[in-house]
Amino acid sequence: MKAIKIAVMMFAASLAGCATLFSEDSATINVSTSNGKKVDITVDGQNYTAPTTVKLEKDGSTKVIETKDSSCASSTAVRKKIEVVTFVNVFSTTGFTTDAATGSMWTYDNAVIDCQ
């Protein structure tokens, strides 16, 4: 009976992705401007004043920082990269697909808005 419980637990763990289990659901990034100027920005429908920190949901989507300041780029894409713990899934393809489906396999880089 104990062996069955252990087998069930191991099977359930193999279905979960490592990034889903061991990383946060969001990523906090720093957003600044190239000249240090304060500008109003919008990210995922939320308003901020840069320089600031922004908490982004790790859903795998491309994040874009927008500003209406005429001396700055109107939109800046936030680069995303793969979470390191995702590579542990090399031992479990189901874990990799879980991380991909939940967006947990991604994190985001800090962003600099180009301003004149």
C-alpha atoms as a PDB file:
ATOM      1  CA  MET A   1       0.000   0.000   0.000  1.00  0.00           C
ATOM      2  CA  LYS A   2       2.859   2.358   0.843  1.00  0.00           C
ATOM      3  CA  ALA A   3       4.451   1.671  -2.558  1.00  0.00           C
ATOM      4  CA  ILE A   4       1.196   2.590  -4.309  1.00  0.00           C
ATOM      5  CA  LYS A   5       0.999   5.906  -2.439  1.00  0.00           C
ATOM      6  CA  ILE A   6       4.588   6.715  -3.360  1.00  0.00           C
ATOM      7  CA  ALA A   7       3.945   5.791  -7.002  1.00  0.00           C
ATOM      8  CA  VAL A   8       0.842   8.012  -7.126  1.00  0.00           C
ATOM      9  CA  MET A   9       2.748  10.931  -5.567  1.00  0.00           C
ATOM     10  CA  MET A  10       5.625  10.521  -8.030  1.00  0.00           C
ATOM     11  CA  PHE A  11       3.205  10.379 -10.958  1.00  0.00           C
ATOM     12  CA  ALA A  12       1.427  13.541  -9.777  1.00  0.00           C
ATOM     13  CA  ALA A  13       4.754  15.328  -9.320  1.00  0.00           C
ATOM     14  CA  SER A  14       5.826  14.362 -12.838  1.00  0.00           C
ATOM     15  CA  LEU A  15       2.790  16.168 -14.259  1.00  0.00           C
ATOM     16  CA  ALA A  16       3.692  19.430 -12.543  1.00  0.00           C
ATOM     17  CA  GLY A  17       6.292  21.680 -14.122  1.00  0.00           C
ATOM     18  CA  CYS A  18       9.344  22.762 -12.174  1.00  0.00           C
ATOM     19  CA  ALA A  19       8.872  26.468 -12.931  1.00  0.00           C
ATOM     20  CA  THR A  20       5.209  26.173 -11.950  1.00  0.00           C
ATOM     21  CA  LEU A  21       6.208  24.684  -8.600  1.00  0.00           C
ATOM     22  CA  PHE A  22       9.387  26.601  -7.804  1.00  0.00           C
ATOM     23  CA  SER A  23       8.963  30.111  -9.211  1.00  0.00           C
ATOM     24  CA  GLU A  24       6.564  32.950  -8.495  1.00  0.00           C
ATOM     25  CA  ASP A  25       3.471  33.742 -10.560  1.00  0.00           C
ATOM     26  CA  SER A  26       4.781  37.241 -11.255  1.00  0.00           C
ATOM     27  CA  ALA A  27       8.058  39.004 -12.021  1.00  0.00           C
ATOM     28  CA  THR A  28       9.065  42.410 -10.672  1.00  0.00           C
ATOM     29  CA  ILE A  29      11.079  44.502 -13.121  1.00  0.00           C
ATOM     30  CA  ASN A  30      12.686  47.940 -13.018  1.00  0.00           C
ATOM     31  CA  VAL A  31      11.509  50.423 -15.633  1.00  0.00           C
ATOM     32  CA  SER A  32      13.606  53.525 -16.275  1.00  0.00           C
ATOM     33  CA  THR A  33      14.218  56.081 -19.009  1.00  0.00           C
ATOM     34  CA  SER A  34      17.433  56.520 -20.984  1.00  0.00           C
ATOM     35  CA  ASN A  35      17.845  60.117 -19.795  1.00  0.00           C
ATOM     36  CA  GLY A  36      16.530  59.771 -16.225  1.00  0.00           C
ATOM     37  CA  LYS A  37      13.393  61.795 -17.030  1.00  0.00           C
ATOM     38  CA  LYS A  38      10.171  60.962 -15.192  1.00  0.00           C
ATOM     39  CA  VAL A  39       7.418  59.873 -17.570  1.00  0.00           C
ATOM     40  CA  ASP A  40       3.933  58.466 -17.157  1.00  0.00           C
ATOM     41  CA  ILE A  41       3.660  54.919 -18.503  1.00  0.00           C
ATOM     42  CA  THR A  42       1.047  52.208 -18.908  1.00  0.00           C
ATOM     43  CA  VAL A  43       1.800  48.495 -18.581  1.00  0.00           C
ATOM     44  CA  ASP A  44      -0.941  45.848 -18.797  1.00  0.00           C
ATOM     45  CA  GLY A  45      -3.570  48.561 -18.294  1.00  0.00           C
ATOM     46  CA  GLN A  46      -1.972  49.871 -15.080  1.00  0.00           C
ATOM     47  CA  ASN A  47      -0.554  53.408 -14.828  1.00  0.00           C
ATOM     48  CA  TYR A  48       2.868  54.174 -13.320  1.00  0.00           C
ATOM     49  CA  THR A  49       5.462  56.945 -13.330  1.00  0.00           C
ATOM     50  CA  ALA A  50       8.905  55.761 -14.455  1.00  0.00           C
ATOM     51  CA  PRO A  51      11.449  55.227 -13.052  1.00  0.00           C
ATOM     52  CA  THR A  52       9.588  52.600 -11.048  1.00  0.00           C
ATOM     53  CA  THR A  53       9.201  48.906 -10.406  1.00  0.00           C
ATOM     54  CA  VAL A  54       6.406  47.021 -12.128  1.00  0.00           C
ATOM     55  CA  LYS A  55       4.971  43.640 -11.177  1.00  0.00           C
ATOM     56  CA  LEU A  56       4.149  41.592 -14.286  1.00  0.00           C
ATOM     57  CA  GLU A  57       2.069  38.432 -14.378  1.00  0.00           C
ATOM     58  CA  LYS A  58       4.109  35.597 -15.849  1.00  0.00           C
ATOM     59  CA  ASP A  59       1.597  34.498 -18.446  1.00  0.00           C
ATOM     60  CA  GLY A  60       4.007  34.157 -21.364  1.00  0.00           C
ATOM     61  CA  SER A  61       2.551  37.087 -23.265  1.00  0.00           C
ATOM     62  CA  THR A  62       4.644  39.906 -24.707  1.00  0.00           C
ATOM     63  CA  LYS A  63       4.566  42.893 -22.362  1.00  0.00           C
ATOM     64  CA  VAL A  64       4.648  46.420 -23.790  1.00  0.00           C
ATOM     65  CA  ILE A  65       5.337  49.668 -21.937  1.00  0.00           C
ATOM     66  CA  GLU A  66       3.464  52.590 -23.470  1.00  0.00           C
ATOM     67  CA  THR A  67       3.922  56.328 -22.943  1.00  0.00           C
ATOM     68  CA  LYS A  68       2.365  59.429 -24.479  1.00  0.00           C
ATOM     69  CA  ASP A  69       5.415  61.582 -23.726  1.00  0.00           C
ATOM     70  CA  SER A  70       6.461  63.016 -27.118  1.00  0.00           C
ATOM     71  CA  SER A  71      10.169  62.962 -26.244  1.00  0.00           C
ATOM     72  CA  CYS A  72      10.144  59.183 -25.627  1.00  0.00           C
ATOM     73  CA  ALA A  73       9.451  56.078 -27.675  1.00  0.00           C
ATOM     74  CA  SER A  74       5.689  55.522 -27.637  1.00  0.00           C
ATOM     75  CA  SER A  75       6.070  51.803 -26.922  1.00  0.00           C
ATOM     76  CA  THR A  76       8.848  49.619 -25.543  1.00  0.00           C
ATOM     77  CA  ALA A  77       8.685  45.827 -25.619  1.00  0.00           C
ATOM     78  CA  VAL A  78       9.820  44.068 -22.449  1.00  0.00           C
ATOM     79  CA  ARG A  79      12.140  41.186 -23.294  1.00  0.00           C
ATOM     80  CA  LYS A  80      11.171  37.826 -21.891  1.00  0.00           C
ATOM     81  CA  LYS A  81      13.477  34.919 -21.163  1.00  0.00           C
ATOM     82  CA  ILE A  82      13.096  31.350 -19.968  1.00  0.00           C
ATOM     83  CA  GLU A  83      13.180  30.671 -16.217  1.00  0.00           C
ATOM     84  CA  VAL A  84      16.258  28.621 -15.350  1.00  0.00           C
ATOM     85  CA  VAL A  85      14.271  26.023 -13.360  1.00  0.00           C
ATOM     86  CA  THR A  86      12.350  25.167 -16.529  1.00  0.00           C
ATOM     87  CA  PHE A  87      15.385  23.227 -17.753  1.00  0.00           C
ATOM     88  CA  VAL A  88      14.899  20.686 -14.954  1.00  0.00           C
ATOM     89  CA  ASN A  89      11.930  19.536 -17.044  1.00  0.00           C
ATOM     90  CA  VAL A  90      14.343  17.780 -19.389  1.00  0.00           C
ATOM     91  CA  PHE A  91      13.447  14.721 -17.314  1.00  0.00           C
ATOM     92  CA  SER A  92       9.692  15.215 -17.805  1.00  0.00           C
ATOM     93  CA  THR A  93       8.039  16.404 -21.014  1.00  0.00           C
ATOM     94  CA  THR A  94       4.708  16.756 -19.229  1.00  0.00           C
ATOM     95  CA  GLY A  95       6.349  19.187 -16.798  1.00  0.00           C
ATOM     96  CA  PHE A  96       7.627  21.266 -19.694  1.00  0.00           C
ATOM     97  CA  THR A  97       4.179  21.491 -21.275  1.00  0.00           C
ATOM     98  CA  THR A  98       2.679  22.429 -17.897  1.00  0.00           C
ATOM     99  CA  ASP A  99       5.173  25.292 -17.514  1.00  0.00           C
ATOM    100  CA  ALA A 100       4.507  26.438 -21.082  1.00  0.00           C
ATOM    101  CA  ALA A 101       0.721  26.323 -20.641  1.00  0.00           C
ATOM    102  CA  THR A 102       0.781  28.263 -17.352  1.00  0.00           C
ATOM    103  CA  GLY A 103       3.365  30.812 -18.542  1.00  0.00           C
ATOM    104  CA  SER A 104       5.586  29.960 -15.572  1.00  0.00           C
ATOM    105  CA  MET A 105       8.486  29.137 -17.865  1.00  0.00           C
ATOM    106  CA  TRP A 106       8.951  32.853 -18.636  1.00  0.00           C
ATOM    107  CA  THR A 107      10.366  35.792 -16.735  1.00  0.00           C
ATOM    108  CA  TYR A 108      10.968  39.378 -17.880  1.00  0.00           C
ATOM    109  CA  ASP A 109      14.050  41.626 -18.145  1.00  0.00           C
ATOM    110  CA  ASN A 110      14.283  45.166 -16.805  1.00  0.00           C
ATOM    111  CA  ALA A 111      13.300  47.797 -19.375  1.00  0.00           C
ATOM    112  CA  VAL A 112      14.724  51.156 -20.422  1.00  0.00           C
ATOM    113  CA  ILE A 113      12.460  53.544 -22.336  1.00  0.00           C
ATOM    114  CA  ASP A 114      14.374  55.462 -25.016  1.00  0.00           C
ATOM    115  CA  CYS A 115      13.913  59.209 -24.436  1.00  0.00           C
ATOM    116  CA  GLN A 116      15.526  62.270 -26.066  1.00  0.00           C
END
